[in-house]
Amino acid sequence: MDTAGRLRAMAVLCRQTAARHPDRSWKLLAEAEYWEHLANDTALDHFDRCLVRSPLHRARSIPQPAAAPAE
């Protein structure tokens, strides 16, 4: 999760710079959105990897019912 935090810090830095440089704000705000997007993707990837390794995830599979006895 450290990576997502660093990417979000880059987004904050871009937004702060955009506030100080209105002439370049459109570009800096677009770059901030890019960094946020990367941070969100990184967080989701981390969550997916943790979920796949979880024993609860493997236990989620629903067992098939036994065949009904023939009459």
PDB file of N, CA and C in Angstrom:
ATOM      1  N   MET A   1       0.813  -1.197   0.000  1.00  0.00           N
ATOM      2  CA  MET A   1       0.000   0.000   0.000  1.00  0.00           C
ATOM      3  C   MET A   1       0.856   1.260   0.000  1.00  0.00           C
ATOM      4  N   ASP A   2       2.113   1.119   0.276  1.00  0.00           N
ATOM      5  CA  ASP A   2       3.010   2.263   0.270  1.00  0.00           C
ATOM      6  C   ASP A   2       3.032   2.920  -1.101  1.00  0.00           C
ATOM      7  N   THR A   3       2.939   2.118  -2.150  1.00  0.00           N
ATOM      8  CA  THR A   3       2.963   2.652  -3.514  1.00  0.00           C
ATOM      9  C   THR A   3       1.759   3.545  -3.766  1.00  0.00           C
ATOM     10  N   ALA A   4       0.578   3.106  -3.340  1.00  0.00           N
ATOM     11  CA  ALA A   4      -0.631   3.905  -3.534  1.00  0.00           C
ATOM     12  C   ALA A   4      -0.513   5.241  -2.807  1.00  0.00           C
ATOM     13  N   GLY A   5       0.064   5.225  -1.628  1.00  0.00           N
ATOM     14  CA  GLY A   5       0.261   6.467  -0.875  1.00  0.00           C
ATOM     15  C   GLY A   5       1.199   7.432  -1.585  1.00  0.00           C
ATOM     16  N   ARG A   6       2.237   6.896  -2.173  1.00  0.00           N
ATOM     17  CA  ARG A   6       3.170   7.754  -2.918  1.00  0.00           C
ATOM     18  C   ARG A   6       2.519   8.334  -4.168  1.00  0.00           C
ATOM     19  N   LEU A   7       1.713   7.528  -4.824  1.00  0.00           N
ATOM     20  CA  LEU A   7       1.031   8.024  -6.022  1.00  0.00           C
ATOM     21  C   LEU A   7       0.026   9.115  -5.661  1.00  0.00           C
ATOM     22  N   ARG A   8      -0.668   8.935  -4.541  1.00  0.00           N
ATOM     23  CA  ARG A   8      -1.609   9.978  -4.094  1.00  0.00           C
ATOM     24  C   ARG A   8      -0.870  11.252  -3.684  1.00  0.00           C
ATOM     25  N   ALA A   9       0.323  11.092  -3.129  1.00  0.00           N
ATOM     26  CA  ALA A   9       1.130  12.271  -2.778  1.00  0.00           C
ATOM     27  C   ALA A   9       1.514  13.048  -4.031  1.00  0.00           C
ATOM     28  N   MET A  10       1.793  12.330  -5.109  1.00  0.00           N
ATOM     29  CA  MET A  10       2.091  13.007  -6.380  1.00  0.00           C
ATOM     30  C   MET A  10       0.875  13.794  -6.868  1.00  0.00           C
ATOM     31  N   ALA A  11      -0.317  13.208  -6.697  1.00  0.00           N
ATOM     32  CA  ALA A  11      -1.541  13.906  -7.105  1.00  0.00           C
ATOM     33  C   ALA A  11      -1.735  15.177  -6.291  1.00  0.00           C
ATOM     34  N   VAL A  12      -1.480  15.100  -5.001  1.00  0.00           N
ATOM     35  CA  VAL A  12      -1.602  16.281  -4.128  1.00  0.00           C
ATOM     36  C   VAL A  12      -0.605  17.348  -4.544  1.00  0.00           C
ATOM     37  N   LEU A  13       0.600  16.928  -4.835  1.00  0.00           N
ATOM     38  CA  LEU A  13       1.626  17.882  -5.267  1.00  0.00           C
ATOM     39  C   LEU A  13       1.205  18.590  -6.557  1.00  0.00           C
ATOM     40  N   CYS A  14       0.632  17.840  -7.486  1.00  0.00           N
ATOM     41  CA  CYS A  14       0.167  18.456  -8.737  1.00  0.00           C
ATOM     42  C   CYS A  14      -0.947  19.462  -8.475  1.00  0.00           C
ATOM     43  N   ARG A  15      -1.863  19.118  -7.574  1.00  0.00           N
ATOM     44  CA  ARG A  15      -2.967  20.039  -7.266  1.00  0.00           C
ATOM     45  C   ARG A  15      -2.463  21.304  -6.573  1.00  0.00           C
ATOM     46  N   GLN A  16      -1.498  21.145  -5.683  1.00  0.00           N
ATOM     47  CA  GLN A  16      -0.931  22.315  -5.010  1.00  0.00           C
ATOM     48  C   GLN A  16      -0.201  23.213  -6.006  1.00  0.00           C
ATOM     49  N   THR A  17       0.523  22.600  -6.911  1.00  0.00           N
ATOM     50  CA  THR A  17       1.242  23.374  -7.924  1.00  0.00           C
ATOM     51  C   THR A  17       0.260  24.078  -8.851  1.00  0.00           C
ATOM     52  N   ALA A  18      -0.838  23.403  -9.174  1.00  0.00           N
ATOM     53  CA  ALA A  18      -1.852  24.014 -10.042  1.00  0.00           C
ATOM     54  C   ALA A  18      -2.454  25.255  -9.389  1.00  0.00           C
ATOM     55  N   ALA A  19      -2.615  25.226  -8.072  1.00  0.00           N
ATOM     56  CA  ALA A  19      -3.162  26.386  -7.364  1.00  0.00           C
ATOM     57  C   ALA A  19      -2.213  27.577  -7.436  1.00  0.00           C
ATOM     58  N   ARG A  20      -0.939  27.319  -7.517  1.00  0.00           N
ATOM     59  CA  ARG A  20       0.055  28.398  -7.557  1.00  0.00           C
ATOM     60  C   ARG A  20       0.385  28.868  -8.973  1.00  0.00           C
ATOM     61  N   HIS A  21       0.040  28.048  -9.959  1.00  0.00           N
ATOM     62  CA  HIS A  21       0.336  28.383 -11.358  1.00  0.00           C
ATOM     63  C   HIS A  21      -0.924  28.237 -12.211  1.00  0.00           C
ATOM     64  N   PRO A  22      -1.802  29.225 -12.175  1.00  0.00           N
ATOM     65  CA  PRO A  22      -3.064  29.124 -12.909  1.00  0.00           C
ATOM     66  C   PRO A  22      -2.882  28.962 -14.422  1.00  0.00           C
ATOM     67  N   ASP A  23      -1.778  29.455 -14.947  1.00  0.00           N
ATOM     68  CA  ASP A  23      -1.552  29.338 -16.384  1.00  0.00           C
ATOM     69  C   ASP A  23      -1.310  27.889 -16.817  1.00  0.00           C
ATOM     70  N   ARG A  24      -0.843  27.050 -15.911  1.00  0.00           N
ATOM     71  CA  ARG A  24      -0.593  25.632 -16.222  1.00  0.00           C
ATOM     72  C   ARG A  24      -1.525  24.698 -15.460  1.00  0.00           C
ATOM     73  N   SER A  25      -2.559  25.262 -14.840  1.00  0.00           N
ATOM     74  CA  SER A  25      -3.400  24.454 -13.953  1.00  0.00           C
ATOM     75  C   SER A  25      -4.121  23.328 -14.692  1.00  0.00           C
ATOM     76  N   TRP A  26      -4.554  23.561 -15.918  1.00  0.00           N
ATOM     77  CA  TRP A  26      -5.287  22.506 -16.644  1.00  0.00           C
ATOM     78  C   TRP A  26      -4.428  21.262 -16.830  1.00  0.00           C
ATOM     79  N   LYS A  27      -3.150  21.489 -17.142  1.00  0.00           N
ATOM     80  CA  LYS A  27      -2.251  20.350 -17.341  1.00  0.00           C
ATOM     81  C   LYS A  27      -1.935  19.659 -16.011  1.00  0.00           C
ATOM     82  N   LEU A  28      -1.698  20.442 -14.980  1.00  0.00           N
ATOM     83  CA  LEU A  28      -1.361  19.877 -13.681  1.00  0.00           C
ATOM     84  C   LEU A  28      -2.539  19.128 -13.062  1.00  0.00           C
ATOM     85  N   LEU A  29      -3.752  19.636 -13.261  1.00  0.00           N
ATOM     86  CA  LEU A  29      -4.923  18.941 -12.736  1.00  0.00           C
ATOM     87  C   LEU A  29      -5.171  17.629 -13.486  1.00  0.00           C
ATOM     88  N   ALA A  30      -4.897  17.632 -14.780  1.00  0.00           N
ATOM     89  CA  ALA A  30      -5.011  16.385 -15.544  1.00  0.00           C
ATOM     90  C   ALA A  30      -3.969  15.379 -15.058  1.00  0.00           C
ATOM     91  N   GLU A  31      -2.790  15.845 -14.759  1.00  0.00           N
ATOM     92  CA  GLU A  31      -1.748  14.952 -14.251  1.00  0.00           C
ATOM     93  C   GLU A  31      -2.119  14.413 -12.865  1.00  0.00           C
ATOM     94  N   ALA A  32      -2.745  15.254 -12.048  1.00  0.00           N
ATOM     95  CA  ALA A  32      -3.200  14.807 -10.732  1.00  0.00           C
ATOM     96  C   ALA A  32      -4.229  13.687 -10.870  1.00  0.00           C
ATOM     97  N   GLU A  33      -5.136  13.833 -11.830  1.00  0.00           N
ATOM     98  CA  GLU A  33      -6.125  12.774 -12.078  1.00  0.00           C
ATOM     99  C   GLU A  33      -5.440  11.487 -12.508  1.00  0.00           C
ATOM    100  N   TYR A  34      -4.399  11.596 -13.299  1.00  0.00           N
ATOM    101  CA  TYR A  34      -3.641  10.428 -13.738  1.00  0.00           C
ATOM    102  C   TYR A  34      -3.023   9.706 -12.541  1.00  0.00           C
ATOM    103  N   TRP A  35      -2.392  10.463 -11.640  1.00  0.00           N
ATOM    104  CA  TRP A  35      -1.763   9.852 -10.463  1.00  0.00           C
ATOM    105  C   TRP A  35      -2.809   9.200  -9.568  1.00  0.00           C
ATOM    106  N   GLU A  36      -3.973   9.844  -9.407  1.00  0.00           N
ATOM    107  CA  GLU A  36      -5.049   9.261  -8.601  1.00  0.00           C
ATOM    108  C   GLU A  36      -5.533   7.953  -9.214  1.00  0.00           C
ATOM    109  N   HIS A  37      -5.663   7.945 -10.526  1.00  0.00           N
ATOM    110  CA  HIS A  37      -6.094   6.734 -11.227  1.00  0.00           C
ATOM    111  C   HIS A  37      -5.104   5.595 -10.988  1.00  0.00           C
ATOM    112  N   LEU A  38      -3.822   5.884 -11.098  1.00  0.00           N
ATOM    113  CA  LEU A  38      -2.798   4.866 -10.832  1.00  0.00           C
ATOM    114  C   LEU A  38      -2.865   4.374  -9.383  1.00  0.00           C
ATOM    115  N   ALA A  39      -3.082   5.294  -8.452  1.00  0.00           N
ATOM    116  CA  ALA A  39      -3.167   4.915  -7.040  1.00  0.00           C
ATOM    117  C   ALA A  39      -4.359   3.997  -6.805  1.00  0.00           C
ATOM    118  N   ASN A  40      -5.491   4.315  -7.413  1.00  0.00           N
ATOM    119  CA  ASN A  40      -6.680   3.468  -7.253  1.00  0.00           C
ATOM    120  C   ASN A  40      -6.449   2.088  -7.848  1.00  0.00           C
ATOM    121  N   ASP A  41      -5.827   2.031  -9.010  1.00  0.00           N
ATOM    122  CA  ASP A  41      -5.535   0.734  -9.629  1.00  0.00           C
ATOM    123  C   ASP A  41      -4.576  -0.083  -8.763  1.00  0.00           C
ATOM    124  N   THR A  42      -3.594   0.577  -8.190  1.00  0.00           N
ATOM    125  CA  THR A  42      -2.628  -0.112  -7.334  1.00  0.00           C
ATOM    126  C   THR A  42      -3.315  -0.673  -6.101  1.00  0.00           C
ATOM    127  N   ALA A  43      -4.208   0.105  -5.504  1.00  0.00           N
ATOM    128  CA  ALA A  43      -4.919  -0.355  -4.316  1.00  0.00           C
ATOM    129  C   ALA A  43      -5.820  -1.537  -4.654  1.00  0.00           C
ATOM    130  N   LEU A  44      -6.487  -1.490  -5.796  1.00  0.00           N
ATOM    131  CA  LEU A  44      -7.350  -2.604  -6.194  1.00  0.00           C
ATOM    132  C   LEU A  44      -6.538  -3.860  -6.480  1.00  0.00           C
ATOM    133  N   ASP A  45      -5.394  -3.696  -7.128  1.00  0.00           N
ATOM    134  CA  ASP A  45      -4.533  -4.851  -7.391  1.00  0.00           C
ATOM    135  C   ASP A  45      -4.066  -5.488  -6.089  1.00  0.00           C
ATOM    136  N   HIS A  46      -3.704  -4.652  -5.130  1.00  0.00           N
ATOM    137  CA  HIS A  46      -3.265  -5.160  -3.832  1.00  0.00           C
ATOM    138  C   HIS A  46      -4.399  -5.929  -3.153  1.00  0.00           C
ATOM    139  N   PHE A  47      -5.602  -5.375  -3.210  1.00  0.00           N
ATOM    140  CA  PHE A  47      -6.765  -6.029  -2.604  1.00  0.00           C
ATOM    141  C   PHE A  47      -7.031  -7.374  -3.272  1.00  0.00           C
ATOM    142  N   ASP A  48      -6.973  -7.410  -4.602  1.00  0.00           N
ATOM    143  CA  ASP A  48      -7.203  -8.667  -5.320  1.00  0.00           C
ATOM    144  C   ASP A  48      -6.165  -9.721  -4.951  1.00  0.00           C
ATOM    145  N   ARG A  49      -4.907  -9.323  -4.849  1.00  0.00           N
ATOM    146  CA  ARG A  49      -3.864 -10.281  -4.489  1.00  0.00           C
ATOM    147  C   ARG A  49      -4.070 -10.818  -3.084  1.00  0.00           C
ATOM    148  N   CYS A  50      -4.473  -9.972  -2.162  1.00  0.00           N
ATOM    149  CA  CYS A  50      -4.716 -10.423  -0.788  1.00  0.00           C
ATOM    150  C   CYS A  50      -5.927 -11.349  -0.740  1.00  0.00           C
ATOM    151  N   LEU A  51      -6.938 -11.046  -1.521  1.00  0.00           N
ATOM    152  CA  LEU A  51      -8.152 -11.848  -1.533  1.00  0.00           C
ATOM    153  C   LEU A  51      -7.879 -13.223  -2.112  1.00  0.00           C
ATOM    154  N   VAL A  52      -7.085 -13.307  -3.153  1.00  0.00           N
ATOM    155  CA  VAL A  52      -6.786 -14.585  -3.792  1.00  0.00           C
ATOM    156  C   VAL A  52      -5.997 -15.485  -2.846  1.00  0.00           C
ATOM    157  N   ARG A  53      -5.117 -14.919  -2.046  1.00  0.00           N
ATOM    158  CA  ARG A  53      -4.304 -15.706  -1.125  1.00  0.00           C
ATOM    159  C   ARG A  53      -5.067 -16.100   0.132  1.00  0.00           C
ATOM    160  N   SER A  54      -6.203 -15.479   0.364  1.00  0.00           N
ATOM    161  CA  SER A  54      -6.954 -15.717   1.580  1.00  0.00           C
ATOM    162  C   SER A  54      -7.574 -17.113   1.580  1.00  0.00           C
ATOM    163  N   PRO A  55      -7.505 -17.827   2.704  1.00  0.00           N
ATOM    164  CA  PRO A  55      -8.150 -19.143   2.768  1.00  0.00           C
ATOM    165  C   PRO A  55      -9.662 -19.026   2.672  1.00  0.00           C
ATOM    166  N   LEU A  56     -10.220 -17.893   3.079  1.00  0.00           N
ATOM    167  CA  LEU A  56     -11.665 -17.716   2.965  1.00  0.00           C
ATOM    168  C   LEU A  56     -12.096 -17.659   1.508  1.00  0.00           C
ATOM    169  N   HIS A  57     -11.251 -17.096   0.666  1.00  0.00           N
ATOM    170  CA  HIS A  57     -11.585 -17.008  -0.750  1.00  0.00           C
ATOM    171  C   HIS A  57     -11.668 -18.410  -1.357  1.00  0.00           C
ATOM    172  N   ARG A  58     -10.763 -19.282  -0.963  1.00  0.00           N
ATOM    173  CA  ARG A  58     -10.784 -20.645  -1.488  1.00  0.00           C
ATOM    174  C   ARG A  58     -11.978 -21.418  -0.948  1.00  0.00           C
ATOM    175  N   ALA A  59     -12.420 -21.094   0.256  1.00  0.00           N
ATOM    176  CA  ALA A  59     -13.544 -21.802   0.865  1.00  0.00           C
ATOM    177  C   ALA A  59     -14.885 -21.331   0.318  1.00  0.00           C
ATOM    178  N   ARG A  60     -14.887 -20.286  -0.478  1.00  0.00           N
ATOM    179  CA  ARG A  60     -16.137 -19.750  -1.011  1.00  0.00           C
ATOM    180  C   ARG A  60     -16.795 -20.649  -2.050  1.00  0.00           C
ATOM    181  N   SER A  61     -16.053 -21.543  -2.632  1.00  0.00           N
ATOM    182  CA  SER A  61     -16.649 -22.364  -3.675  1.00  0.00           C
ATOM    183  C   SER A  61     -17.769 -23.201  -3.067  1.00  0.00           C
ATOM    184  N   ILE A  62     -18.866 -23.232  -3.749  1.00  0.00           N
ATOM    185  CA  ILE A  62     -20.051 -23.922  -3.256  1.00  0.00           C
ATOM    186  C   ILE A  62     -19.965 -25.385  -3.661  1.00  0.00           C
ATOM    187  N   PRO A  63     -20.034 -26.295  -2.686  1.00  0.00           N
ATOM    188  CA  PRO A  63     -19.968 -27.703  -3.045  1.00  0.00           C
ATOM    189  C   PRO A  63     -21.232 -28.129  -3.783  1.00  0.00           C
ATOM    190  N   GLN A  64     -21.058 -29.028  -4.709  1.00  0.00           N
ATOM    191  CA  GLN A  64     -22.189 -29.544  -5.476  1.00  0.00           C
ATOM    192  C   GLN A  64     -22.988 -30.494  -4.596  1.00  0.00           C
ATOM    193  N   PRO A  65     -24.318 -30.456  -4.654  1.00  0.00           N
ATOM    194  CA  PRO A  65     -25.116 -31.373  -3.847  1.00  0.00           C
ATOM    195  C   PRO A  65     -24.950 -32.818  -4.332  1.00  0.00           C
ATOM    196  N   ALA A  66     -25.100 -33.728  -3.413  1.00  0.00           N
ATOM    197  CA  ALA A  66     -24.995 -35.140  -3.768  1.00  0.00           C
ATOM    198  C   ALA A  66     -26.190 -35.515  -4.653  1.00  0.00           C
ATOM    199  N   ALA A  67     -25.996 -36.472  -5.501  1.00  0.00           N
ATOM    200  CA  ALA A  67     -27.066 -36.913  -6.396  1.00  0.00           C
ATOM    201  C   ALA A  67     -28.207 -37.508  -5.563  1.00  0.00           C
ATOM    202  N   ALA A  68     -29.424 -37.256  -6.002  1.00  0.00           N
ATOM    203  CA  ALA A  68     -30.594 -37.770  -5.299  1.00  0.00           C
ATOM    204  C   ALA A  68     -30.636 -39.303  -5.464  1.00  0.00           C
ATOM    205  N   PRO A  69     -30.995 -40.024  -4.401  1.00  0.00           N
ATOM    206  CA  PRO A  69     -31.061 -41.487  -4.510  1.00  0.00           C
ATOM    207  C   PRO A  69     -32.134 -41.919  -5.503  1.00  0.00           C
ATOM    208  N   ALA A  70     -31.834 -42.942  -6.286  1.00  0.00           N
ATOM    209  CA  ALA A  70     -32.789 -43.456  -7.273  1.00  0.00           C
ATOM    210  C   ALA A  70     -33.872 -44.234  -6.561  1.00  0.00           C
ATOM    211  N   GLU A  71     -35.082 -44.046  -6.981  1.00  0.00           N
ATOM    212  CA  GLU A  71     -36.214 -44.753  -6.354  1.00  0.00           C
ATOM    213  C   GLU A  71     -36.571 -45.986  -7.099  1.00  0.00           C
TER     214      GLU A  71
END
